[in-house]
Protein backbone atom coordinates (compact mmCIF):
# COMPACT_ATOMS: atom_id res chain seq x y z
CA UNK A 1 -60.11 -42.35 56.42
CA UNK A 2 -61.57 -39.85 53.96
CA UNK A 3 -61.52 -37.20 56.67
CA UNK A 4 -57.80 -37.78 57.33
CA UNK A 5 -56.98 -37.74 53.59
CA UNK A 6 -58.76 -34.39 53.20
CA UNK A 7 -56.09 -32.71 55.32
CA UNK A 8 -53.51 -33.44 52.62
CA UNK A 9 -55.55 -32.81 49.48
CA UNK A 10 -58.56 -33.75 47.41
CA UNK A 11 -59.23 -37.31 46.28
CA UNK A 12 -61.56 -38.19 43.40
CA UNK A 13 -62.34 -41.89 42.84
CA UNK A 14 -62.13 -43.46 39.39
CA UNK A 15 -65.26 -42.90 37.31
CA UNK A 16 -66.37 -43.24 33.67
CA UNK A 17 -63.11 -44.86 32.65
CA UNK A 18 -60.96 -42.09 34.16
CA UNK A 19 -58.21 -42.96 36.61
CA UNK A 20 -58.61 -41.93 40.27
CA UNK A 21 -56.95 -38.61 41.10
CA UNK A 22 -55.43 -36.93 44.13
CA UNK A 23 -54.49 -33.24 44.26
CA UNK A 24 -52.16 -32.24 47.08
CA UNK A 25 -52.99 -28.99 48.87
CA UNK A 26 -50.48 -26.15 48.65
CA UNK A 27 -48.45 -26.76 51.82
CA UNK A 28 -47.88 -30.38 50.86
CA UNK A 29 -47.03 -29.16 47.37
CA UNK A 30 -44.37 -26.84 48.82
CA UNK A 31 -43.04 -29.74 50.83
CA UNK A 32 -42.53 -31.77 47.64
CA UNK A 33 -40.89 -28.72 46.04
CA UNK A 34 -38.45 -28.61 48.96
CA UNK A 35 -37.61 -32.26 48.38
CA UNK A 36 -36.99 -31.48 44.69
CA UNK A 37 -34.64 -28.63 45.64
CA UNK A 38 -32.70 -30.76 48.15
CA UNK A 39 -32.53 -33.71 45.76
CA UNK A 40 -31.41 -31.56 42.82
CA UNK A 41 -28.57 -29.98 44.74
CA UNK A 42 -27.47 -33.38 46.08
CA UNK A 43 -27.43 -34.85 42.56
CA UNK A 44 -25.49 -31.94 41.06
CA UNK A 45 -23.01 -31.95 43.96
CA UNK A 46 -22.19 -35.58 43.16
CA UNK A 47 -22.03 -35.25 39.37
CA UNK A 48 -19.05 -33.59 37.72
CA UNK A 49 -20.79 -33.78 34.32
CA UNK A 50 -23.84 -31.87 35.51
CA UNK A 51 -21.64 -29.20 37.06
CA UNK A 52 -19.48 -29.00 33.92
CA UNK A 53 -22.48 -28.44 31.65
CA UNK A 54 -24.21 -26.18 34.19
CA UNK A 55 -27.62 -27.89 34.27
CA UNK A 56 -29.79 -26.09 36.89
CA UNK A 57 -30.27 -28.38 39.89
CA UNK A 58 -34.10 -28.19 40.13
CA UNK A 59 -34.35 -29.17 36.46
CA UNK A 60 -32.70 -32.54 37.05
CA UNK A 61 -34.66 -33.49 40.17
CA UNK A 62 -37.86 -31.90 38.85
CA UNK A 63 -37.70 -34.03 35.71
CA UNK A 64 -37.11 -37.17 37.71
CA UNK A 65 -40.03 -36.35 40.00
CA UNK A 66 -42.45 -35.49 37.17
CA UNK A 67 -41.53 -38.61 35.18
CA UNK A 68 -42.25 -40.81 38.22
CA UNK A 69 -45.61 -39.08 38.78
CA UNK A 70 -46.47 -39.37 35.08
CA UNK A 71 -45.60 -43.09 35.09
CA UNK A 72 -47.89 -43.64 38.10
CA UNK A 73 -50.72 -41.91 36.23
CA UNK A 74 -49.94 -43.68 32.96
CA UNK A 75 -50.05 -47.05 34.71
CA UNK A 76 -53.61 -46.30 35.79
CA UNK A 77 -52.81 -46.25 39.54
CA UNK A 78 -53.71 -42.67 40.41
CA UNK A 79 -53.37 -39.27 38.80
CA UNK A 80 -51.31 -37.10 41.16
CA UNK A 81 -51.43 -33.32 40.82
CA UNK A 82 -50.45 -30.34 42.93
CA UNK A 83 -52.02 -27.05 44.02
CA UNK A 84 -49.19 -24.87 42.69
CA UNK A 85 -50.85 -22.26 40.48
CA UNK A 86 -50.77 -19.35 42.92
CA UNK A 87 -47.33 -20.23 44.28
CA UNK A 88 -45.85 -20.43 40.75
CA UNK A 89 -47.38 -17.08 39.91
CA UNK A 90 -46.05 -15.54 43.13
CA UNK A 91 -42.55 -16.95 42.65
CA UNK A 92 -42.33 -15.89 39.03
CA UNK A 93 -43.50 -12.34 39.67
CA UNK A 94 -41.36 -11.71 42.76
CA UNK A 95 -38.36 -13.20 41.00
CA UNK A 96 -38.74 -10.90 37.99
CA UNK A 97 -39.38 -7.98 40.29
CA UNK A 98 -35.97 -8.60 41.86
CA UNK A 99 -34.37 -8.98 38.41
CA UNK A 100 -35.87 -5.63 37.42
CA UNK A 101 -34.62 -4.11 40.67
CA UNK A 102 -31.09 -4.91 39.53
CA UNK A 103 -31.64 -2.95 36.31
CA UNK A 104 -29.79 0.24 37.14
CA UNK A 105 -29.40 3.11 34.65
CA UNK A 106 -25.75 3.28 35.67
CA UNK A 107 -25.25 -0.32 34.57
CA UNK A 108 -27.10 0.30 31.28
CA UNK A 109 -24.79 3.22 30.54
CA UNK A 110 -21.81 1.00 31.37
CA UNK A 111 -23.04 -1.74 29.00
CA UNK A 112 -23.40 0.71 26.14
CA UNK A 113 -26.13 1.36 23.59
CA UNK A 114 -24.48 -0.84 20.93
CA UNK A 115 -24.90 -4.02 23.01
CA UNK A 116 -28.54 -3.15 23.73
CA UNK A 117 -29.22 -2.71 20.00
CA UNK A 118 -27.55 -6.04 19.23
CA UNK A 119 -29.57 -7.81 21.93
CA UNK A 120 -32.78 -6.36 20.50
CA UNK A 121 -31.79 -7.32 16.95
CA UNK A 122 -30.91 -10.89 18.00
CA UNK A 123 -34.23 -11.28 19.85
CA UNK A 124 -36.32 -10.10 16.88
CA UNK A 125 -34.30 -12.20 14.43
CA UNK A 126 -34.70 -15.32 16.56
CA UNK A 127 -38.48 -14.93 16.89
CA UNK A 128 -38.89 -14.37 13.14
CA UNK A 129 -36.72 -17.39 12.24
CA UNK A 130 -38.52 -19.64 14.73
CA UNK A 131 -41.89 -18.94 13.13
CA UNK A 132 -40.56 -19.27 9.58
CA UNK A 133 -39.01 -22.62 10.51
CA UNK A 134 -42.24 -23.80 12.17
CA UNK A 135 -44.31 -22.81 9.14
CA UNK A 136 -41.93 -24.51 6.71
CA UNK A 137 -42.02 -27.76 8.70
CA UNK A 138 -45.83 -27.62 8.99
CA UNK A 139 -46.04 -27.72 5.20
CA UNK A 140 -43.85 -30.85 5.11
CA UNK A 141 -45.66 -32.80 7.86
CA UNK A 142 -49.24 -31.68 7.17
CA UNK A 143 -49.74 -29.73 10.39
CA UNK A 144 -52.00 -26.68 10.65
CA UNK A 145 -49.74 -23.59 10.33
CA UNK A 146 -51.24 -21.96 13.42
CA UNK A 147 -50.52 -25.08 15.50
CA UNK A 148 -46.97 -24.96 14.15
CA UNK A 149 -46.70 -21.33 15.32
CA UNK A 150 -47.83 -22.50 18.75
CA UNK A 151 -44.81 -24.84 18.72
CA UNK A 152 -42.57 -22.04 17.49
CA UNK A 153 -42.16 -18.52 18.88
CA UNK A 154 -45.46 -18.60 20.80
CA UNK A 155 -44.19 -21.44 23.05
CA UNK A 156 -40.43 -21.16 22.51
CA UNK A 157 -39.63 -17.46 22.93
CA UNK A 158 -42.96 -16.63 24.49
CA UNK A 159 -43.30 -19.57 26.90
CA UNK A 160 -46.47 -21.06 28.32
CA UNK A 161 -47.94 -17.60 29.03
CA UNK A 162 -47.81 -16.37 25.43
CA UNK A 163 -48.87 -19.77 24.06
CA UNK A 164 -51.84 -19.79 26.47
CA UNK A 165 -52.80 -16.27 25.41
CA UNK A 166 -52.68 -17.03 21.68
CA UNK A 167 -54.33 -20.44 21.98
CA UNK A 168 -57.94 -19.14 22.05
CA UNK A 169 -57.10 -16.63 19.31
CA UNK A 170 -55.74 -19.32 16.99
CA UNK A 171 -58.67 -21.60 17.82
CA UNK A 172 -61.05 -18.84 16.67
CA UNK A 173 -58.95 -18.59 13.50
CA UNK A 174 -59.50 -22.28 12.74
CA UNK A 175 -56.78 -24.23 14.58
CA UNK A 176 -58.35 -26.87 16.88
CA UNK A 177 -56.77 -27.52 20.29
CA UNK A 178 -54.29 -24.66 19.81
CA UNK A 179 -54.24 -23.94 23.57
CA UNK A 180 -53.41 -27.54 24.52
CA UNK A 181 -50.70 -27.72 21.85
CA UNK A 182 -49.19 -24.39 22.94
CA UNK A 183 -49.12 -25.22 26.64
CA UNK A 184 -47.61 -28.64 25.95
CA UNK A 185 -44.99 -27.12 23.62
CA UNK A 186 -44.19 -24.41 26.16
CA UNK A 187 -43.72 -27.03 28.87
CA UNK A 188 -41.34 -29.04 26.69
CA UNK A 189 -39.59 -25.82 25.68
CA UNK A 190 -38.86 -25.02 29.32
CA UNK A 191 -37.19 -28.40 29.67
CA UNK A 192 -35.28 -28.07 26.40
CA UNK A 193 -33.99 -24.61 27.25
CA UNK A 194 -32.72 -25.79 30.63
CA UNK A 195 -30.97 -28.81 29.11
CA UNK A 196 -29.44 -27.06 26.07
CA UNK A 197 -28.32 -23.66 27.37
CA UNK A 198 -25.70 -24.74 29.88
CA UNK A 199 -23.91 -27.27 27.63
CA UNK A 200 -23.78 -24.82 24.70
CA UNK A 201 -22.28 -22.07 26.88
CA UNK A 202 -19.84 -24.56 28.42
CA UNK A 203 -18.81 -25.61 24.90
CA UNK A 204 -18.17 -22.00 23.89
CA UNK A 205 -16.18 -21.31 27.07
CA UNK A 206 -14.01 -24.39 26.56
CA UNK A 207 -13.54 -23.91 22.81
CA UNK A 208 -12.44 -20.29 23.08
CA UNK A 209 -10.64 -20.55 26.42
CA UNK A 210 -12.86 -17.90 28.01
CA UNK A 211 -12.55 -16.79 31.62
CA UNK A 212 -14.51 -14.45 33.84
CA UNK A 213 -13.01 -11.16 35.01
CA UNK A 214 -11.99 -11.62 38.68
CA UNK A 215 -12.68 -7.91 39.26
CA UNK A 216 -16.28 -8.27 38.05
CA UNK A 217 -18.27 -9.20 41.15
CA UNK A 218 -21.92 -9.18 42.19
CA UNK A 219 -23.05 -5.84 43.56
CA UNK A 220 -23.55 -7.42 46.96
CA UNK A 221 -19.85 -8.44 46.96
CA UNK A 222 -18.47 -5.18 45.55
CA UNK A 223 -16.92 -4.19 48.87
CA UNK A 224 -14.87 -7.36 48.98
CA UNK A 225 -16.59 -8.50 52.16
CA UNK A 226 -18.86 -11.50 52.36
CA UNK A 227 -22.39 -10.06 52.73
CA UNK A 228 -24.13 -10.84 55.99
CA UNK A 229 -27.89 -10.96 55.83
CA UNK A 230 -29.74 -8.96 58.44
CA UNK A 231 -33.17 -9.97 59.75
CA UNK A 232 -34.52 -6.41 59.87
CA UNK A 233 -33.20 -5.57 56.41
CA UNK A 234 -34.59 -8.82 55.01
CA UNK A 235 -38.06 -8.05 56.35
CA UNK A 236 -37.90 -4.51 54.96
CA UNK A 237 -36.77 -5.70 51.50
CA UNK A 238 -39.36 -8.48 51.42
CA UNK A 239 -42.08 -5.99 52.29
CA UNK A 240 -40.72 -3.66 49.62
CA UNK A 241 -40.87 -6.45 47.05
CA UNK A 242 -44.50 -7.20 47.94
CA UNK A 243 -45.41 -3.51 47.63
CA UNK A 244 -43.60 -3.11 44.31
CA UNK A 245 -45.26 -6.26 42.95
CA UNK A 246 -48.63 -4.69 43.70
CA UNK A 247 -47.50 -1.47 42.01
CA UNK A 248 -46.54 -3.57 39.01
CA UNK A 249 -50.17 -4.45 38.39
CA UNK A 250 -51.22 -1.04 36.99
CA UNK A 251 -48.14 -1.16 34.75
CA UNK A 252 -49.18 -4.62 33.58
CA UNK A 253 -52.72 -3.35 33.01
CA UNK A 254 -51.48 -0.52 30.78
CA UNK A 255 -49.14 -2.73 28.76
CA UNK A 256 -51.62 -5.61 28.38
CA UNK A 257 -54.24 -3.25 26.93
CA UNK A 258 -52.06 -2.16 24.04
CA UNK A 259 -53.93 -3.41 20.93
CA UNK A 260 -52.58 -6.60 19.32
CA UNK A 261 -50.08 -7.23 22.13
CA UNK A 262 -50.37 -9.93 24.81
CA UNK A 263 -48.24 -9.19 27.89
CA UNK A 264 -47.45 -11.60 30.73
CA UNK A 265 -48.04 -10.33 34.25
CA UNK A 266 -44.40 -10.53 35.29
CA UNK A 267 -43.46 -7.76 32.82
CA UNK A 268 -45.36 -5.32 35.03
CA UNK A 269 -43.36 -6.49 38.04
CA UNK A 270 -40.11 -6.29 36.09
CA UNK A 271 -40.81 -2.67 35.09
CA UNK A 272 -41.90 -1.84 38.66
CA UNK A 273 -38.61 -3.16 40.01
CA UNK A 274 -36.51 -1.27 37.46
CA UNK A 275 -38.39 2.00 37.98
CA UNK A 276 -38.22 1.71 41.77
CA UNK A 277 -34.48 0.98 41.75
CA UNK A 278 -33.64 4.05 39.71
CA UNK A 279 -36.02 6.32 41.62
CA UNK A 280 -34.54 5.15 44.91
CA UNK A 281 -31.01 5.70 43.64
CA UNK A 282 -31.86 9.19 42.38
CA UNK A 283 -33.60 10.24 45.60
CA UNK A 284 -31.15 8.60 48.02
CA UNK A 285 -33.68 6.13 49.50
CA UNK A 286 -31.87 3.26 51.20
CA UNK A 287 -32.16 -0.29 49.95
CA UNK A 288 -30.17 -3.43 50.68
CA UNK A 289 -28.80 -5.41 47.74
CA UNK A 290 -27.73 -8.62 49.56
CA UNK A 291 -31.22 -9.13 50.92
CA UNK A 292 -32.84 -8.51 47.52
CA UNK A 293 -30.38 -10.95 45.93
CA UNK A 294 -31.31 -13.58 48.52
CA UNK A 295 -35.03 -13.11 47.82
CA UNK A 296 -34.36 -13.34 44.06
CA UNK A 297 -32.47 -16.63 44.30
CA UNK A 298 -34.97 -18.22 46.71
CA UNK A 299 -37.94 -17.54 44.46
CA UNK A 300 -36.10 -18.63 41.30
CA UNK A 301 -35.17 -21.96 42.85
CA UNK A 302 -38.70 -22.54 44.14
CA UNK A 303 -40.27 -21.51 40.83
CA UNK A 304 -38.13 -23.94 38.81
CA UNK A 305 -38.90 -26.74 41.23
CA UNK A 306 -42.65 -26.13 41.02
CA UNK A 307 -42.70 -25.86 37.24
CA UNK A 308 -40.67 -28.99 36.57
CA UNK A 309 -42.27 -31.20 39.23
CA UNK A 310 -45.80 -30.39 37.98
CA UNK A 311 -45.13 -31.24 34.31
CA UNK A 312 -47.64 -33.90 33.19
CA UNK A 313 -45.98 -35.90 30.45
CA UNK A 314 -49.12 -37.97 29.83
CA UNK A 315 -50.80 -34.95 28.22
CA UNK A 316 -48.09 -34.80 25.59
CA UNK A 317 -48.56 -38.37 24.33
CA UNK A 318 -51.37 -37.77 21.80
CA UNK A 319 -49.48 -34.82 20.31
CA UNK A 320 -46.02 -36.35 20.31
CA UNK A 321 -45.65 -37.01 16.57
CA UNK A 322 -45.95 -33.70 14.74
CA UNK A 323 -45.08 -31.66 17.81
CA UNK A 324 -41.95 -33.72 18.37
CA UNK A 325 -40.63 -33.02 14.88
CA UNK A 326 -41.06 -29.26 15.22
CA UNK A 327 -39.77 -29.08 18.80
CA UNK A 328 -36.65 -31.11 18.01
CA UNK A 329 -35.99 -28.85 15.01
CA UNK A 330 -36.53 -25.76 17.18
CA UNK A 331 -34.13 -27.10 19.81
CA UNK A 332 -31.41 -27.79 17.21
CA UNK A 333 -31.97 -24.39 15.63
CA UNK A 334 -31.77 -22.69 19.02
CA UNK A 335 -28.42 -24.31 19.82
CA UNK A 336 -27.02 -23.33 16.39
CA UNK A 337 -28.40 -19.80 16.72
CA UNK A 338 -26.68 -19.46 20.09
CA UNK A 339 -23.32 -20.70 18.81
CA UNK A 340 -23.20 -18.91 15.46
CA UNK A 341 -25.34 -15.79 15.97
CA UNK A 342 -25.79 -14.80 19.62
CA UNK A 343 -22.22 -15.48 20.73
CA UNK A 344 -20.78 -13.51 17.81
CA UNK A 345 -23.21 -10.60 18.14
CA UNK A 346 -22.66 -10.25 21.88
CA UNK A 347 -18.89 -9.94 21.65
CA UNK A 348 -17.31 -13.43 21.57
CA UNK A 349 -16.09 -13.08 25.17
CA UNK A 350 -17.04 -14.71 28.47
CA UNK A 351 -20.03 -12.42 28.92
CA UNK A 352 -21.23 -13.36 25.42
CA UNK A 353 -21.10 -17.04 26.37
CA UNK A 354 -23.16 -16.36 29.52
CA UNK A 355 -25.69 -14.31 27.55
CA UNK A 356 -25.86 -17.11 24.95
CA UNK A 357 -26.94 -19.48 27.73
CA UNK A 358 -29.59 -16.94 28.67
CA UNK A 359 -30.63 -16.53 25.04
CA UNK A 360 -31.22 -20.27 24.71
CA UNK A 361 -33.13 -20.22 28.00
CA UNK A 362 -35.75 -17.71 26.99
CA UNK A 363 -35.60 -18.75 23.34
CA UNK A 364 -36.80 -22.23 24.35
CA UNK A 365 -39.27 -21.35 27.05
CA UNK A 366 -39.10 -18.42 29.44
CA UNK A 367 -37.19 -15.59 31.05
CA UNK A 368 -36.85 -17.69 34.17
CA UNK A 369 -34.96 -20.27 32.11
CA UNK A 370 -32.63 -17.56 30.87
CA UNK A 371 -31.72 -16.51 34.39
CA UNK A 372 -31.44 -20.09 35.62
CA UNK A 373 -29.07 -20.96 32.77
CA UNK A 374 -26.94 -17.91 33.40
CA UNK A 375 -26.82 -18.57 37.13
CA UNK A 376 -25.75 -22.18 36.58
CA UNK A 377 -22.96 -21.06 34.21
CA UNK A 378 -21.75 -18.33 36.55
CA UNK A 379 -21.83 -20.65 39.57
CA UNK A 380 -19.43 -22.89 37.66
CA UNK A 381 -17.25 -20.44 35.70
CA UNK A 382 -17.53 -17.02 37.34
CA UNK A 383 -19.64 -13.88 37.57
CA UNK A 384 -20.59 -11.41 34.82
CA UNK A 385 -22.64 -8.40 35.89
CA UNK A 386 -23.94 -7.20 32.52
CA UNK A 387 -24.98 -10.69 31.47
CA UNK A 388 -26.86 -11.20 34.74
CA UNK A 389 -28.52 -7.83 35.19
CA UNK A 390 -28.99 -6.49 31.67
CA UNK A 391 -29.51 -9.44 29.35
CA UNK A 392 -32.48 -11.43 30.73
CA UNK A 393 -34.65 -8.43 31.55
CA UNK A 394 -33.86 -6.46 28.38
CA UNK A 395 -34.20 -9.46 26.05
CA UNK A 396 -37.49 -10.52 27.64
CA UNK A 397 -38.87 -6.97 27.27
CA UNK A 398 -37.98 -6.94 23.56
CA UNK A 399 -39.48 -10.41 23.17
CA UNK A 400 -42.73 -9.49 24.88
CA UNK A 401 -43.17 -6.49 22.59
CA UNK A 402 -42.10 -7.96 19.25
CA UNK A 403 -43.29 -11.58 19.60
CA UNK A 404 -47.04 -10.86 20.06
CA UNK A 405 -46.98 -8.33 17.24
CA UNK A 406 -45.26 -10.71 14.81
CA UNK A 407 -47.46 -13.66 15.85
CA UNK A 408 -50.60 -11.59 15.33
CA UNK A 409 -49.56 -10.36 11.88
CA UNK A 410 -47.97 -13.59 10.62
CA UNK A 411 -50.66 -15.80 12.11
CA UNK A 412 -53.46 -13.79 10.48
CA UNK A 413 -52.16 -14.97 7.10
CA UNK A 414 -53.39 -18.48 7.93
CA UNK A 415 -56.75 -17.48 9.38
CA UNK A 416 -59.59 -19.59 7.95
């Protein structure tokens, strides 16, 4: 029996008071992710409310799946986990590579420098306010300021990656369990961003009677014809994405070694995609947008499924009190910031509403959330090129430069 079980994963019997555990190997893990994707789309297809508020499909099914798994573990039956680390890393990096590949200099010129300045200003303002709010609340509830920062911009705007990077630093500065707190907060932030962004954007669209421009279409649809994927082109573009992802590593190496700045790996891939796109356009090298778009959407869907289905809610229980207060406050603040700041700064039009959904996505967890929120809104209400191609990548770049700098400087004030 043990031999048969080993084909599907690794089983560890209960010992020293710990519950028995079973970790599924990566192919079985991908099989569960596929179930999450199918289930999520089936649920959304049958729910007008979920479509109206543009909740990403894998978020719904992923939450259901992870809650069931957490309940099984919490009941002391067996702790189920999944071998998803490498696949999540692959999906995230290839997805952001494709996002970067859509970042054309022509589109940036079309968007205008004023919008870029406003996006950068909004990102820096949000990060600063998140940390000031977290610090203020920490003084009221008796929480270590550095742990509060882990529940603020480190986990919210920065996501699990930034929170994980600053955890050991804050622990050295006198904040115990900063890494655990940051990872837990980042996990909850991902969920919050997915649940808040769509409804806020839908509210803005309904309140102001906003509509998409029917002439604004995805680049793959610009000709007016439905794009037909080609096997040879798909293989070529997939191979190109793998090569560019590898070329993103030296970029990541350079950026990550800037003093006082912690950079996630996907930023290197994002830059590699953007650089490659503009070099290929300038030199006349052929590339195929529909195939790249298909790769982008596949890896986003799989990434969201893997992240949500592997969330272990049992780890959050001991930290629920103080963390809950700060995270709820951050979620409320993020929604208000989107409605009253982002939407007004970005132009008060349909594109501004889509970008507000994206702003809430990365402001509560990650760049992937930003894109997922925007995609869900556009699937329901219509396309917006600048919001899709410019906003997530540009805002995340600003975030990954400013956030680590501000965290390092502000956090050092509370170093013991």
